[in-house]
Amino acid sequence: MDPVQRVIENFNESIRLKTEASEQLAAPVAAAAELTSNCLLNDGKILSCGNGGSAADAQHFSSEMLNRFEMERPGLPAFALTTDSSTLTSIANDYQFADIFSKQIRALGQPGDALLAITTSGDSHNIVHAIDAAHDRDMRVVALTGREGGQIADLIRENDVEIRVPSWSTARIQEVHLMIIHSICDLIDRRLLGLET
């Protein structure tokens, strides 16, 4: 296949999924923004985690919160649990890789905080453990998933929000996850800055 045509097809697949998913995902994205905004307004913090590309998304989210998104505002308390290599490797070495996020949540999470858990498959063991730990700490969860939701779908409680991208392609799911993250950031800013319409 012609490489240029392949690039065009990739763009078109991404556009198609975003267009098809927008109406299905709009309500849960708005609910996630409300959950996280309320957390911040009540002096809570948002912890985020994921693996691989989803780890980068967790860091992307926390940077938009701590610094700024598109509007000037004070920094907001959000922390990616993916960034401290000494902590991650010590937990993985002394316990198991599945505990790298849950041990941090049990140490840092407080009632009223929120967890942003990102996994394209919904089956990442360390994300499953992270959600269990968040619930144990009376935290609410926003889970970004894909495919059929995996094990995460069964862990989501009534006060949590799962945003499941209707695709089996990891790349396409991650592209929509980034759109979701930007939408949540936008809605948080509008709520906290009093720009809701």
N, C-alpha and C. Protein backbone atom coordinates (compact mmCIF):
# COMPACT_ATOMS: atom_id res chain seq x y z
N MET A 1 0.83 -1.19 0.00
CA MET A 1 0.00 0.00 0.00
C MET A 1 0.87 1.25 0.00
N ASP A 2 0.41 2.25 -0.68
CA ASP A 2 1.08 3.54 -0.72
C ASP A 2 1.12 4.15 0.68
N PRO A 3 2.31 4.53 1.18
CA PRO A 3 2.42 5.06 2.55
C PRO A 3 1.56 6.30 2.77
N VAL A 4 1.47 7.16 1.79
CA VAL A 4 0.66 8.37 1.94
C VAL A 4 -0.80 7.99 2.12
N GLN A 5 -1.27 7.04 1.33
CA GLN A 5 -2.65 6.59 1.45
C GLN A 5 -2.91 5.95 2.81
N ARG A 6 -1.91 5.21 3.31
CA ARG A 6 -2.06 4.58 4.63
C ARG A 6 -2.22 5.64 5.73
N VAL A 7 -1.44 6.71 5.63
CA VAL A 7 -1.56 7.79 6.61
C VAL A 7 -2.96 8.40 6.54
N ILE A 8 -3.46 8.62 5.34
CA ILE A 8 -4.80 9.17 5.17
C ILE A 8 -5.84 8.24 5.78
N GLU A 9 -5.67 6.92 5.58
CA GLU A 9 -6.60 5.95 6.17
C GLU A 9 -6.56 6.00 7.70
N ASN A 10 -5.36 6.13 8.27
CA ASN A 10 -5.25 6.22 9.72
C ASN A 10 -5.99 7.45 10.25
N PHE A 11 -5.80 8.59 9.57
CA PHE A 11 -6.52 9.80 9.97
C PHE A 11 -8.03 9.58 9.88
N ASN A 12 -8.46 8.99 8.77
CA ASN A 12 -9.90 8.78 8.56
C ASN A 12 -10.49 7.82 9.59
N GLU A 13 -9.75 6.77 9.96
CA GLU A 13 -10.22 5.84 10.99
C GLU A 13 -10.38 6.56 12.33
N SER A 14 -9.41 7.40 12.67
CA SER A 14 -9.47 8.14 13.93
C SER A 14 -10.65 9.11 13.94
N ILE A 15 -10.84 9.82 12.84
CA ILE A 15 -11.96 10.76 12.72
C ILE A 15 -13.29 10.02 12.82
N ARG A 16 -13.38 8.88 12.14
CA ARG A 16 -14.62 8.11 12.13
C ARG A 16 -14.98 7.65 13.55
N LEU A 17 -14.00 7.11 14.27
CA LEU A 17 -14.27 6.64 15.63
C LEU A 17 -14.69 7.80 16.54
N LYS A 18 -13.97 8.90 16.46
CA LYS A 18 -14.32 10.05 17.29
C LYS A 18 -15.73 10.55 16.98
N THR A 19 -16.07 10.58 15.71
CA THR A 19 -17.40 11.04 15.31
C THR A 19 -18.47 10.08 15.81
N GLU A 20 -18.26 8.78 15.62
CA GLU A 20 -19.24 7.78 16.04
C GLU A 20 -19.37 7.72 17.56
N ALA A 21 -18.27 7.92 18.27
CA ALA A 21 -18.27 7.77 19.72
C ALA A 21 -18.72 9.04 20.45
N SER A 22 -18.73 10.17 19.77
CA SER A 22 -18.96 11.44 20.46
C SER A 22 -20.29 11.47 21.21
N GLU A 23 -21.37 11.07 20.57
CA GLU A 23 -22.67 11.10 21.25
C GLU A 23 -22.74 10.07 22.36
N GLN A 24 -22.15 8.90 22.14
CA GLN A 24 -22.17 7.84 23.16
C GLN A 24 -21.35 8.23 24.39
N LEU A 25 -20.25 8.94 24.19
CA LEU A 25 -19.33 9.23 25.29
C LEU A 25 -19.54 10.60 25.92
N ALA A 26 -20.30 11.47 25.29
CA ALA A 26 -20.45 12.84 25.80
C ALA A 26 -20.98 12.88 27.23
N ALA A 27 -22.02 12.10 27.52
CA ALA A 27 -22.61 12.13 28.87
C ALA A 27 -21.64 11.60 29.92
N PRO A 28 -20.97 10.44 29.70
CA PRO A 28 -20.02 10.00 30.72
C PRO A 28 -18.81 10.92 30.87
N VAL A 29 -18.38 11.57 29.79
CA VAL A 29 -17.27 12.53 29.90
C VAL A 29 -17.72 13.71 30.76
N ALA A 30 -18.93 14.21 30.52
CA ALA A 30 -19.44 15.31 31.34
C ALA A 30 -19.56 14.89 32.80
N ALA A 31 -20.00 13.65 33.05
CA ALA A 31 -20.09 13.14 34.41
C ALA A 31 -18.71 13.05 35.07
N ALA A 32 -17.72 12.63 34.30
CA ALA A 32 -16.35 12.55 34.82
C ALA A 32 -15.82 13.93 35.17
N ALA A 33 -16.14 14.91 34.33
CA ALA A 33 -15.71 16.29 34.61
C ALA A 33 -16.39 16.82 35.86
N GLU A 34 -17.66 16.47 36.05
CA GLU A 34 -18.37 16.90 37.26
C GLU A 34 -17.75 16.25 38.50
N LEU A 35 -17.46 14.94 38.41
CA LEU A 35 -16.85 14.23 39.53
C LEU A 35 -15.51 14.86 39.90
N THR A 36 -14.65 15.09 38.91
CA THR A 36 -13.32 15.63 39.20
C THR A 36 -13.39 17.08 39.65
N SER A 37 -14.30 17.86 39.05
CA SER A 37 -14.47 19.26 39.48
C SER A 37 -14.92 19.32 40.94
N ASN A 38 -15.90 18.49 41.29
CA ASN A 38 -16.38 18.47 42.68
C ASN A 38 -15.26 18.07 43.63
N CYS A 39 -14.46 17.11 43.23
CA CYS A 39 -13.31 16.69 44.04
C CYS A 39 -12.41 17.89 44.31
N LEU A 40 -12.06 18.63 43.27
CA LEU A 40 -11.17 19.77 43.42
C LEU A 40 -11.82 20.89 44.24
N LEU A 41 -13.10 21.14 44.01
CA LEU A 41 -13.80 22.19 44.75
C LEU A 41 -13.93 21.87 46.24
N ASN A 42 -13.84 20.58 46.59
CA ASN A 42 -13.92 20.16 47.98
C ASN A 42 -12.54 19.85 48.57
N ASP A 43 -11.52 20.49 48.00
CA ASP A 43 -10.14 20.39 48.49
C ASP A 43 -9.54 18.99 48.34
N GLY A 44 -10.05 18.22 47.38
CA GLY A 44 -9.45 16.92 47.09
C GLY A 44 -8.40 17.04 46.00
N LYS A 45 -7.76 15.92 45.73
CA LYS A 45 -6.76 15.86 44.67
C LYS A 45 -7.10 14.71 43.73
N ILE A 46 -6.52 14.74 42.54
CA ILE A 46 -6.75 13.70 41.56
C ILE A 46 -5.44 12.95 41.33
N LEU A 47 -5.46 11.64 41.57
CA LEU A 47 -4.32 10.77 41.28
C LEU A 47 -4.62 10.07 39.96
N SER A 48 -3.60 9.89 39.12
CA SER A 48 -3.83 9.24 37.82
C SER A 48 -2.78 8.17 37.58
N CYS A 49 -3.19 7.15 36.82
CA CYS A 49 -2.25 6.07 36.52
C CYS A 49 -2.63 5.35 35.24
N GLY A 50 -1.65 4.68 34.66
CA GLY A 50 -1.83 3.89 33.45
C GLY A 50 -0.50 3.26 33.08
N ASN A 51 -0.48 2.43 32.07
CA ASN A 51 0.73 1.75 31.62
C ASN A 51 1.04 2.15 30.18
N GLY A 52 2.33 2.28 29.86
CA GLY A 52 2.72 2.58 28.49
C GLY A 52 2.15 3.91 28.02
N GLY A 53 1.44 3.89 26.89
CA GLY A 53 0.82 5.10 26.38
C GLY A 53 -0.17 5.68 27.36
N SER A 54 -0.83 4.82 28.13
CA SER A 54 -1.77 5.29 29.14
C SER A 54 -1.06 5.96 30.31
N ALA A 55 0.18 5.55 30.58
CA ALA A 55 0.99 6.25 31.59
C ALA A 55 1.28 7.67 31.11
N ALA A 56 1.59 7.80 29.82
CA ALA A 56 1.82 9.13 29.25
C ALA A 56 0.55 9.97 29.33
N ASP A 57 -0.60 9.35 29.11
CA ASP A 57 -1.87 10.08 29.22
C ASP A 57 -2.12 10.53 30.66
N ALA A 58 -1.79 9.68 31.63
CA ALA A 58 -1.94 10.05 33.04
C ALA A 58 -1.07 11.26 33.36
N GLN A 59 0.15 11.26 32.86
CA GLN A 59 1.06 12.39 33.07
C GLN A 59 0.55 13.63 32.33
N HIS A 60 0.03 13.43 31.15
CA HIS A 60 -0.51 14.54 30.36
C HIS A 60 -1.62 15.23 31.15
N PHE A 61 -2.54 14.43 31.70
CA PHE A 61 -3.63 14.99 32.49
C PHE A 61 -3.11 15.79 33.67
N SER A 62 -2.19 15.19 34.44
CA SER A 62 -1.72 15.88 35.64
C SER A 62 -0.98 17.17 35.28
N SER A 63 -0.27 17.19 34.15
CA SER A 63 0.43 18.42 33.76
C SER A 63 -0.56 19.51 33.38
N GLU A 64 -1.67 19.14 32.74
CA GLU A 64 -2.70 20.14 32.39
C GLU A 64 -3.34 20.71 33.65
N MET A 65 -3.46 19.89 34.69
CA MET A 65 -4.05 20.36 35.94
C MET A 65 -3.06 21.20 36.74
N LEU A 66 -1.85 20.70 36.93
CA LEU A 66 -0.86 21.39 37.76
C LEU A 66 -0.40 22.70 37.14
N ASN A 67 -0.29 22.75 35.84
CA ASN A 67 0.16 23.96 35.17
C ASN A 67 -1.05 24.75 34.69
N ARG A 68 -1.53 24.45 33.52
CA ARG A 68 -2.72 25.09 32.96
C ARG A 68 -3.15 24.30 31.74
N PHE A 69 -4.41 24.47 31.36
CA PHE A 69 -4.89 23.87 30.12
C PHE A 69 -4.92 24.99 29.08
N GLU A 70 -6.06 25.56 28.78
CA GLU A 70 -6.10 26.62 27.78
C GLU A 70 -6.39 27.99 28.37
N MET A 71 -6.74 28.04 29.64
CA MET A 71 -7.03 29.32 30.29
C MET A 71 -6.13 29.51 31.49
N GLU A 72 -5.83 30.75 31.79
CA GLU A 72 -5.01 31.05 32.97
C GLU A 72 -5.82 30.78 34.23
N ARG A 73 -5.21 30.05 35.15
CA ARG A 73 -5.83 29.77 36.44
C ARG A 73 -4.74 29.23 37.36
N PRO A 74 -5.00 29.21 38.66
CA PRO A 74 -4.01 28.61 39.57
C PRO A 74 -3.86 27.12 39.28
N GLY A 75 -2.73 26.56 39.63
CA GLY A 75 -2.51 25.13 39.48
C GLY A 75 -3.46 24.34 40.36
N LEU A 76 -3.82 23.15 39.90
CA LEU A 76 -4.76 22.29 40.61
C LEU A 76 -4.04 21.01 41.05
N PRO A 77 -4.41 20.45 42.20
CA PRO A 77 -3.69 19.29 42.75
C PRO A 77 -4.03 17.99 42.02
N ALA A 78 -3.13 17.60 41.16
CA ALA A 78 -3.26 16.34 40.41
C ALA A 78 -1.87 15.72 40.29
N PHE A 79 -1.78 14.42 40.52
CA PHE A 79 -0.48 13.76 40.55
C PHE A 79 -0.53 12.46 39.75
N ALA A 80 0.40 12.30 38.84
CA ALA A 80 0.54 11.04 38.10
C ALA A 80 1.38 10.08 38.93
N LEU A 81 0.85 8.89 39.16
CA LEU A 81 1.55 7.88 39.96
C LEU A 81 2.54 7.08 39.12
N THR A 82 2.82 7.55 37.92
CA THR A 82 3.65 6.82 36.96
C THR A 82 5.06 7.37 36.85
N THR A 83 5.38 8.44 37.59
CA THR A 83 6.59 9.21 37.26
C THR A 83 7.79 8.95 38.16
N ASP A 84 7.59 8.40 39.33
CA ASP A 84 8.70 8.23 40.29
C ASP A 84 9.32 6.85 40.11
N SER A 85 10.40 6.78 39.34
CA SER A 85 11.00 5.48 39.01
C SER A 85 11.52 4.75 40.24
N SER A 86 12.01 5.48 41.24
CA SER A 86 12.51 4.81 42.45
C SER A 86 11.37 4.14 43.20
N THR A 87 10.23 4.84 43.32
CA THR A 87 9.08 4.26 44.00
C THR A 87 8.53 3.08 43.20
N LEU A 88 8.37 3.25 41.90
CA LEU A 88 7.82 2.18 41.07
C LEU A 88 8.67 0.92 41.12
N THR A 89 9.98 1.10 40.99
CA THR A 89 10.85 -0.08 40.96
C THR A 89 11.00 -0.71 42.34
N SER A 90 10.96 0.09 43.40
CA SER A 90 11.07 -0.52 44.73
C SER A 90 9.82 -1.35 45.05
N ILE A 91 8.65 -0.84 44.69
CA ILE A 91 7.42 -1.60 44.94
C ILE A 91 7.41 -2.86 44.08
N ALA A 92 7.76 -2.73 42.80
CA ALA A 92 7.77 -3.89 41.91
C ALA A 92 8.77 -4.93 42.38
N ASN A 93 9.92 -4.49 42.90
CA ASN A 93 10.96 -5.40 43.36
C ASN A 93 10.58 -6.07 44.68
N ASP A 94 10.10 -5.29 45.64
CA ASP A 94 9.82 -5.82 46.97
C ASP A 94 8.49 -6.55 47.06
N TYR A 95 7.55 -6.19 46.22
CA TYR A 95 6.22 -6.81 46.24
C TYR A 95 5.94 -7.41 44.87
N GLN A 96 5.18 -6.70 44.06
CA GLN A 96 4.92 -7.16 42.69
C GLN A 96 4.51 -5.97 41.84
N PHE A 97 4.67 -6.12 40.54
CA PHE A 97 4.35 -5.03 39.62
C PHE A 97 2.88 -4.63 39.73
N ALA A 98 2.02 -5.57 40.06
CA ALA A 98 0.59 -5.28 40.18
C ALA A 98 0.29 -4.29 41.30
N ASP A 99 1.25 -4.06 42.21
CA ASP A 99 1.03 -3.17 43.36
C ASP A 99 1.61 -1.77 43.17
N ILE A 100 2.20 -1.47 42.01
CA ILE A 100 2.95 -0.20 41.88
C ILE A 100 2.07 1.03 42.06
N PHE A 101 0.80 0.94 41.73
CA PHE A 101 -0.10 2.09 41.92
C PHE A 101 -0.88 1.97 43.22
N SER A 102 -1.33 0.77 43.55
CA SER A 102 -2.18 0.60 44.73
C SER A 102 -1.46 0.99 46.01
N LYS A 103 -0.17 0.67 46.13
CA LYS A 103 0.56 1.05 47.35
C LYS A 103 0.68 2.56 47.45
N GLN A 104 0.87 3.24 46.34
CA GLN A 104 0.92 4.71 46.37
C GLN A 104 -0.44 5.30 46.76
N ILE A 105 -1.51 4.71 46.23
CA ILE A 105 -2.86 5.20 46.54
C ILE A 105 -3.16 5.01 48.02
N ARG A 106 -2.78 3.85 48.56
CA ARG A 106 -3.03 3.60 49.99
C ARG A 106 -2.25 4.58 50.87
N ALA A 107 -1.10 5.05 50.39
CA ALA A 107 -0.29 6.00 51.15
C ALA A 107 -0.75 7.44 50.96
N LEU A 108 -1.18 7.80 49.75
CA LEU A 108 -1.44 9.20 49.41
C LEU A 108 -2.93 9.55 49.29
N GLY A 109 -3.76 8.56 48.99
CA GLY A 109 -5.17 8.83 48.74
C GLY A 109 -5.93 9.09 50.03
N GLN A 110 -6.87 10.01 49.95
CA GLN A 110 -7.72 10.36 51.08
C GLN A 110 -9.18 10.31 50.65
N PRO A 111 -10.10 10.11 51.59
CA PRO A 111 -11.52 10.20 51.23
C PRO A 111 -11.81 11.55 50.57
N GLY A 112 -12.55 11.50 49.49
CA GLY A 112 -12.85 12.71 48.74
C GLY A 112 -11.93 12.95 47.56
N ASP A 113 -10.80 12.25 47.52
CA ASP A 113 -9.92 12.33 46.35
C ASP A 113 -10.53 11.52 45.20
N ALA A 114 -9.96 11.68 44.02
CA ALA A 114 -10.42 10.92 42.85
C ALA A 114 -9.24 10.23 42.19
N LEU A 115 -9.53 9.11 41.54
CA LEU A 115 -8.53 8.38 40.77
C LEU A 115 -8.94 8.40 39.31
N LEU A 116 -8.03 8.80 38.44
CA LEU A 116 -8.20 8.67 36.99
C LEU A 116 -7.37 7.46 36.57
N ALA A 117 -8.05 6.36 36.25
CA ALA A 117 -7.40 5.09 35.90
C ALA A 117 -7.57 4.85 34.40
N ILE A 118 -6.45 4.67 33.70
CA ILE A 118 -6.49 4.60 32.24
C ILE A 118 -5.94 3.24 31.79
N THR A 119 -6.74 2.50 31.03
CA THR A 119 -6.32 1.22 30.48
C THR A 119 -7.14 0.92 29.22
N THR A 120 -6.47 0.69 28.12
CA THR A 120 -7.21 0.45 26.87
C THR A 120 -7.96 -0.88 26.91
N SER A 121 -7.38 -1.88 27.60
CA SER A 121 -8.00 -3.21 27.63
C SER A 121 -9.00 -3.37 28.76
N GLY A 122 -8.80 -2.63 29.85
CA GLY A 122 -9.61 -2.82 31.04
C GLY A 122 -9.15 -4.00 31.88
N ASP A 123 -8.03 -4.60 31.52
CA ASP A 123 -7.56 -5.81 32.20
C ASP A 123 -6.18 -5.67 32.85
N SER A 124 -5.62 -4.48 32.93
CA SER A 124 -4.30 -4.30 33.53
C SER A 124 -4.39 -4.57 35.02
N HIS A 125 -3.59 -5.54 35.49
CA HIS A 125 -3.68 -5.95 36.90
C HIS A 125 -3.38 -4.80 37.85
N ASN A 126 -2.39 -3.97 37.51
CA ASN A 126 -2.06 -2.89 38.44
C ASN A 126 -3.15 -1.82 38.46
N ILE A 127 -3.92 -1.69 37.40
CA ILE A 127 -5.05 -0.75 37.39
C ILE A 127 -6.21 -1.34 38.21
N VAL A 128 -6.43 -2.63 38.07
CA VAL A 128 -7.45 -3.30 38.90
C VAL A 128 -7.14 -3.09 40.38
N HIS A 129 -5.87 -3.32 40.77
CA HIS A 129 -5.46 -3.13 42.17
C HIS A 129 -5.59 -1.66 42.58
N ALA A 130 -5.29 -0.75 41.65
CA ALA A 130 -5.40 0.68 41.95
C ALA A 130 -6.84 1.07 42.26
N ILE A 131 -7.78 0.55 41.48
CA ILE A 131 -9.19 0.86 41.71
C ILE A 131 -9.65 0.27 43.05
N ASP A 132 -9.23 -0.96 43.34
CA ASP A 132 -9.56 -1.55 44.65
C ASP A 132 -9.04 -0.68 45.79
N ALA A 133 -7.79 -0.22 45.66
CA ALA A 133 -7.19 0.62 46.71
C ALA A 133 -7.93 1.95 46.83
N ALA A 134 -8.31 2.53 45.70
CA ALA A 134 -9.06 3.79 45.74
C ALA A 134 -10.39 3.62 46.46
N HIS A 135 -11.08 2.53 46.17
CA HIS A 135 -12.35 2.28 46.86
C HIS A 135 -12.12 2.08 48.35
N ASP A 136 -11.05 1.39 48.71
CA ASP A 136 -10.73 1.19 50.13
C ASP A 136 -10.47 2.52 50.83
N ARG A 137 -10.00 3.52 50.08
CA ARG A 137 -9.69 4.84 50.65
C ARG A 137 -10.86 5.81 50.47
N ASP A 138 -12.03 5.29 50.09
CA ASP A 138 -13.23 6.12 49.87
C ASP A 138 -13.01 7.20 48.82
N MET A 139 -12.31 6.82 47.76
CA MET A 139 -12.10 7.70 46.62
C MET A 139 -13.06 7.28 45.51
N ARG A 140 -13.44 8.25 44.70
CA ARG A 140 -14.24 7.94 43.51
C ARG A 140 -13.31 7.74 42.33
N VAL A 141 -13.78 7.00 41.33
CA VAL A 141 -12.94 6.58 40.21
C VAL A 141 -13.54 7.03 38.89
N VAL A 142 -12.67 7.56 38.03
CA VAL A 142 -12.98 7.74 36.61
C VAL A 142 -12.07 6.76 35.87
N ALA A 143 -12.67 5.83 35.14
CA ALA A 143 -11.89 4.83 34.40
C ALA A 143 -12.06 5.07 32.91
N LEU A 144 -10.95 5.25 32.21
CA LEU A 144 -10.95 5.33 30.75
C LEU A 144 -10.55 3.96 30.24
N THR A 145 -11.45 3.31 29.51
CA THR A 145 -11.21 1.96 29.01
C THR A 145 -11.53 1.88 27.52
N GLY A 146 -11.51 0.67 27.01
CA GLY A 146 -11.89 0.41 25.62
C GLY A 146 -12.37 -1.02 25.51
N ARG A 147 -12.49 -1.48 24.27
CA ARG A 147 -12.93 -2.85 24.00
C ARG A 147 -14.24 -3.15 24.73
N GLU A 148 -14.26 -4.16 25.62
CA GLU A 148 -15.49 -4.49 26.35
C GLU A 148 -15.39 -4.09 27.83
N GLY A 149 -14.40 -3.29 28.16
CA GLY A 149 -14.25 -2.81 29.54
C GLY A 149 -13.42 -3.70 30.43
N GLY A 150 -13.22 -4.97 30.03
CA GLY A 150 -12.39 -5.89 30.81
C GLY A 150 -12.86 -6.03 32.25
N GLN A 151 -11.91 -6.37 33.13
CA GLN A 151 -12.21 -6.53 34.55
C GLN A 151 -12.66 -5.23 35.21
N ILE A 152 -12.22 -4.11 34.64
CA ILE A 152 -12.54 -2.81 35.22
C ILE A 152 -14.05 -2.60 35.23
N ALA A 153 -14.73 -3.05 34.19
CA ALA A 153 -16.18 -2.83 34.09
C ALA A 153 -16.91 -3.37 35.32
N ASP A 154 -16.41 -4.46 35.89
CA ASP A 154 -17.06 -5.07 37.06
C ASP A 154 -16.71 -4.36 38.37
N LEU A 155 -15.69 -3.51 38.35
CA LEU A 155 -15.25 -2.82 39.57
C LEU A 155 -15.90 -1.46 39.75
N ILE A 156 -16.47 -0.94 38.69
CA ILE A 156 -17.02 0.42 38.73
C ILE A 156 -18.27 0.44 39.60
N ARG A 157 -18.28 1.36 40.55
CA ARG A 157 -19.41 1.51 41.46
C ARG A 157 -20.37 2.58 40.96
N GLU A 158 -21.49 2.70 41.62
CA GLU A 158 -22.54 3.63 41.19
C GLU A 158 -22.05 5.07 41.13
N ASN A 159 -21.17 5.46 42.05
CA ASN A 159 -20.67 6.84 42.08
C ASN A 159 -19.40 7.04 41.26
N ASP A 160 -18.93 6.00 40.57
CA ASP A 160 -17.78 6.10 39.68
C ASP A 160 -18.27 6.38 38.26
N VAL A 161 -17.32 6.61 37.36
CA VAL A 161 -17.65 6.81 35.95
C VAL A 161 -16.68 5.99 35.11
N GLU A 162 -17.22 5.15 34.24
CA GLU A 162 -16.40 4.47 33.23
C GLU A 162 -16.70 5.11 31.89
N ILE A 163 -15.64 5.43 31.16
CA ILE A 163 -15.78 5.95 29.80
C ILE A 163 -15.10 4.94 28.89
N ARG A 164 -15.92 4.15 28.21
CA ARG A 164 -15.42 3.02 27.41
C ARG A 164 -15.46 3.36 25.93
N VAL A 165 -14.30 3.42 25.31
CA VAL A 165 -14.21 3.73 23.88
C VAL A 165 -14.61 2.50 23.09
N PRO A 166 -15.56 2.61 22.18
CA PRO A 166 -16.06 1.45 21.44
C PRO A 166 -15.15 1.06 20.28
N SER A 167 -13.98 0.50 20.62
CA SER A 167 -13.02 0.07 19.61
C SER A 167 -12.16 -1.04 20.20
N TRP A 168 -11.55 -1.83 19.30
CA TRP A 168 -10.60 -2.86 19.72
C TRP A 168 -9.17 -2.48 19.37
N SER A 169 -8.99 -1.36 18.70
CA SER A 169 -7.66 -0.91 18.30
C SER A 169 -7.05 -0.07 19.41
N THR A 170 -5.91 -0.52 19.94
CA THR A 170 -5.25 0.21 21.02
C THR A 170 -4.93 1.63 20.59
N ALA A 171 -4.40 1.80 19.39
CA ALA A 171 -4.04 3.15 18.92
C ALA A 171 -5.25 4.06 18.84
N ARG A 172 -6.35 3.56 18.30
CA ARG A 172 -7.56 4.39 18.17
C ARG A 172 -8.14 4.71 19.55
N ILE A 173 -8.12 3.73 20.47
CA ILE A 173 -8.62 3.97 21.83
C ILE A 173 -7.80 5.07 22.49
N GLN A 174 -6.47 4.99 22.36
CA GLN A 174 -5.61 6.00 22.98
C GLN A 174 -5.87 7.38 22.40
N GLU A 175 -6.13 7.45 21.09
CA GLU A 175 -6.42 8.75 20.48
C GLU A 175 -7.71 9.34 21.05
N VAL A 176 -8.70 8.51 21.27
CA VAL A 176 -9.96 9.00 21.86
C VAL A 176 -9.76 9.32 23.34
N HIS A 177 -8.94 8.53 24.04
CA HIS A 177 -8.64 8.84 25.44
C HIS A 177 -8.06 10.26 25.57
N LEU A 178 -7.18 10.63 24.66
CA LEU A 178 -6.61 11.97 24.73
C LEU A 178 -7.69 13.03 24.50
N MET A 179 -8.60 12.79 23.59
CA MET A 179 -9.72 13.72 23.36
C MET A 179 -10.58 13.83 24.62
N ILE A 180 -10.81 12.69 25.27
CA ILE A 180 -11.59 12.67 26.52
C ILE A 180 -10.87 13.49 27.60
N ILE A 181 -9.58 13.28 27.75
CA ILE A 181 -8.79 14.01 28.75
C ILE A 181 -8.88 15.51 28.49
N HIS A 182 -8.73 15.92 27.26
CA HIS A 182 -8.82 17.35 26.94
C HIS A 182 -10.22 17.88 27.21
N SER A 183 -11.24 17.08 26.95
CA SER A 183 -12.61 17.51 27.22
C SER A 183 -12.84 17.67 28.72
N ILE A 184 -12.32 16.73 29.52
CA ILE A 184 -12.44 16.84 30.97
C ILE A 184 -11.72 18.09 31.47
N CYS A 185 -10.52 18.33 30.97
CA CYS A 185 -9.76 19.52 31.37
C CYS A 185 -10.53 20.79 31.02
N ASP A 186 -11.10 20.84 29.84
CA ASP A 186 -11.87 22.00 29.40
C ASP A 186 -13.06 22.24 30.33
N LEU A 187 -13.80 21.17 30.64
CA LEU A 187 -14.97 21.32 31.50
C LEU A 187 -14.60 21.68 32.93
N ILE A 188 -13.49 21.14 33.44
CA ILE A 188 -13.01 21.53 34.77
C ILE A 188 -12.71 23.03 34.79
N ASP A 189 -11.97 23.50 33.80
CA ASP A 189 -11.64 24.93 33.75
C ASP A 189 -12.90 25.78 33.70
N ARG A 190 -13.84 25.41 32.86
CA ARG A 190 -15.07 26.20 32.72
C ARG A 190 -15.86 26.22 34.02
N ARG A 191 -15.88 25.10 34.72
CA ARG A 191 -16.60 25.03 35.99
C ARG A 191 -15.90 25.86 37.07
N LEU A 192 -14.61 25.68 37.20
CA LEU A 192 -13.88 26.35 38.27
C LEU A 192 -13.73 27.86 38.01
N LEU A 193 -13.74 28.26 36.75
CA LEU A 193 -13.61 29.67 36.43
C LEU A 193 -14.96 30.35 36.22
N GLY A 194 -16.05 29.61 36.48
CA GLY A 194 -17.38 30.20 36.39
C GLY A 194 -17.82 30.51 34.98
N LEU A 195 -17.37 29.69 34.00
CA LEU A 195 -17.71 29.94 32.61
C LEU A 195 -18.77 29.00 32.07
N GLU A 196 -19.44 28.27 32.96
CA GLU A 196 -20.48 27.34 32.52
C GLU A 196 -21.62 28.13 31.88
N THR A 197 -22.17 27.56 30.82
CA THR A 197 -23.30 28.24 30.17
C THR A 197 -24.60 27.52 30.44
